[in-house]
Amino acid sequence: MTKADLQNLREQLVRQSYLLSDSWSPTATPLTDLGTDLDKQDLSLWSLEHKQRRLMEIAQALQRLEEGTFGRCEGCRRVIPLERLRALPFTRHCIHCARTAEKEEADALSR
């Protein structure tokens, strides 16, 4: 991975972080339908949690850039392909390890 690739990925991470932190704002809704309001609140909370989790992942990716470990899979320690990093610049795993982790998580939830 070239320095230019790393710089482009760093800029993409910072841009995503900025967009996520500025895009969420709570919306007040009238209390006309409690069920609908609770659904909206649940969705807003889920959205906020998702964005906070994504911001944390971006911050961790920026930290890995600083440490020089960015682009290495935390599972198998192999280099993560540049195409995957461009698609998901904050990823910590290669596609194989990510799929394995997702399968293990799904198996654990189904028990």
Protein backbone atom coordinates (compact mmCIF):
# COMPACT_ATOMS: atom_id res chain seq x y z
CA MET A 1 0.00 0.00 0.00
CA THR A 2 1.46 3.33 -1.03
CA LYS A 3 1.64 6.51 1.05
CA ALA A 4 -0.93 8.04 -1.30
CA ASP A 5 -3.30 5.12 -0.68
CA LEU A 6 -2.91 5.55 3.08
CA GLN A 7 -3.47 9.30 2.81
CA ASN A 8 -6.61 8.79 0.71
CA LEU A 9 -7.96 6.26 3.21
CA ARG A 10 -7.14 8.60 6.11
CA GLU A 11 -9.04 11.41 4.39
CA GLN A 12 -11.99 9.09 3.74
CA LEU A 13 -12.06 8.06 7.41
CA VAL A 14 -11.96 11.67 8.60
CA ARG A 15 -14.69 12.65 6.11
CA GLN A 16 -16.93 9.76 7.27
CA SER A 17 -16.32 10.73 10.88
CA TYR A 18 -17.31 14.33 10.17
CA LEU A 19 -20.44 13.32 8.25
CA LEU A 20 -21.57 10.95 10.98
CA SER A 21 -21.03 13.39 13.82
CA ASP A 22 -22.87 16.24 12.07
CA SER A 23 -25.72 14.29 10.51
CA TRP A 24 -27.64 13.12 13.57
CA SER A 25 -30.06 15.42 15.28
CA PRO A 26 -32.95 14.45 17.52
CA THR A 27 -36.36 15.14 16.04
CA ALA A 28 -39.28 16.13 18.23
CA THR A 29 -42.52 14.37 17.30
CA PRO A 30 -46.02 15.05 18.62
CA LEU A 31 -47.35 12.48 21.06
CA THR A 32 -50.34 11.59 18.88
CA ASP A 33 -49.53 7.95 18.50
CA LEU A 34 -47.51 6.47 21.34
CA GLY A 35 -46.71 3.28 19.42
CA THR A 36 -45.40 5.20 16.44
CA ASP A 37 -43.45 7.55 18.69
CA LEU A 38 -41.83 4.64 20.52
CA ASP A 39 -40.92 3.04 17.19
CA LYS A 40 -39.37 6.31 16.03
CA GLN A 41 -37.54 6.66 19.32
CA ASP A 42 -36.22 3.11 19.06
CA LEU A 43 -35.09 3.80 15.50
CA SER A 44 -33.43 7.06 16.56
CA LEU A 45 -31.64 5.34 19.43
CA TRP A 46 -30.53 2.50 17.16
CA SER A 47 -29.32 5.05 14.60
CA LEU A 48 -27.40 6.98 17.25
CA GLU A 49 -25.82 3.81 18.64
CA HIS A 50 -24.89 2.69 15.12
CA LYS A 51 -23.29 6.07 14.38
CA GLN A 52 -21.44 6.11 17.69
CA ARG A 53 -20.14 2.60 17.02
CA ARG A 54 -19.05 3.65 13.52
CA LEU A 55 -17.32 6.76 14.90
CA MET A 56 -15.46 4.56 17.37
CA GLU A 57 -14.41 2.21 14.54
CA ILE A 58 -13.17 5.20 12.52
CA ALA A 59 -11.22 6.56 15.51
CA GLN A 60 -9.66 3.13 16.02
CA ALA A 61 -8.73 2.94 12.32
CA LEU A 62 -7.07 6.36 12.55
CA GLN A 63 -5.17 5.11 15.61
CA ARG A 64 -4.03 2.03 13.66
CA LEU A 65 -2.82 4.38 10.91
CA GLU A 66 -0.72 6.24 13.47
CA GLU A 67 0.62 2.99 14.94
CA GLY A 68 1.47 1.55 11.53
CA THR A 69 -0.84 -1.46 11.95
CA PHE A 70 -3.58 -0.22 9.62
CA GLY A 71 -4.36 -2.61 6.79
CA ARG A 72 -3.44 -5.79 8.67
CA CYS A 73 -6.17 -8.24 9.63
CA GLU A 74 -6.52 -8.56 13.39
CA GLY A 75 -7.50 -12.22 12.91
CA CYS A 76 -4.90 -13.70 10.59
CA ARG A 77 -2.42 -10.77 10.49
CA ARG A 78 -2.39 -10.83 6.68
CA VAL A 79 -2.58 -7.66 4.60
CA ILE A 80 -6.18 -6.61 3.94
CA PRO A 81 -6.67 -6.08 0.18
CA LEU A 82 -6.80 -2.42 -0.85
CA GLU A 83 -10.18 -2.94 -2.54
CA ARG A 84 -11.69 -3.97 0.82
CA LEU A 85 -10.09 -1.02 2.58
CA ARG A 86 -11.47 1.35 -0.03
CA ALA A 87 -14.95 -0.10 0.44
CA LEU A 88 -14.73 -0.25 4.24
CA PRO A 89 -11.74 1.82 5.35
CA PHE A 90 -12.26 1.21 9.07
CA THR A 91 -12.34 -2.58 8.75
CA ARG A 92 -10.14 -4.59 11.09
CA HIS A 93 -10.47 -7.91 9.28
CA CYS A 94 -9.93 -9.46 5.89
CA ILE A 95 -13.10 -10.78 4.25
CA HIS A 96 -12.37 -14.37 5.32
CA CYS A 97 -11.92 -13.49 9.01
CA ALA A 98 -14.92 -11.10 8.93
CA ARG A 99 -17.15 -13.85 7.52
CA THR A 100 -15.88 -16.32 10.10
CA ALA A 101 -16.58 -13.87 12.94
CA GLU A 102 -20.06 -13.11 11.59
CA LYS A 103 -20.87 -16.81 11.34
CA GLU A 104 -19.64 -17.44 14.88
CA GLU A 105 -21.73 -14.52 16.14
CA ALA A 106 -24.84 -15.77 14.30
CA ASP A 107 -24.28 -19.28 15.68
CA ALA A 108 -23.93 -17.91 19.21
CA LEU A 109 -27.17 -15.89 18.87
CA SER A 110 -29.11 -18.89 17.57
CA ARG A 111 -28.25 -21.01 20.63
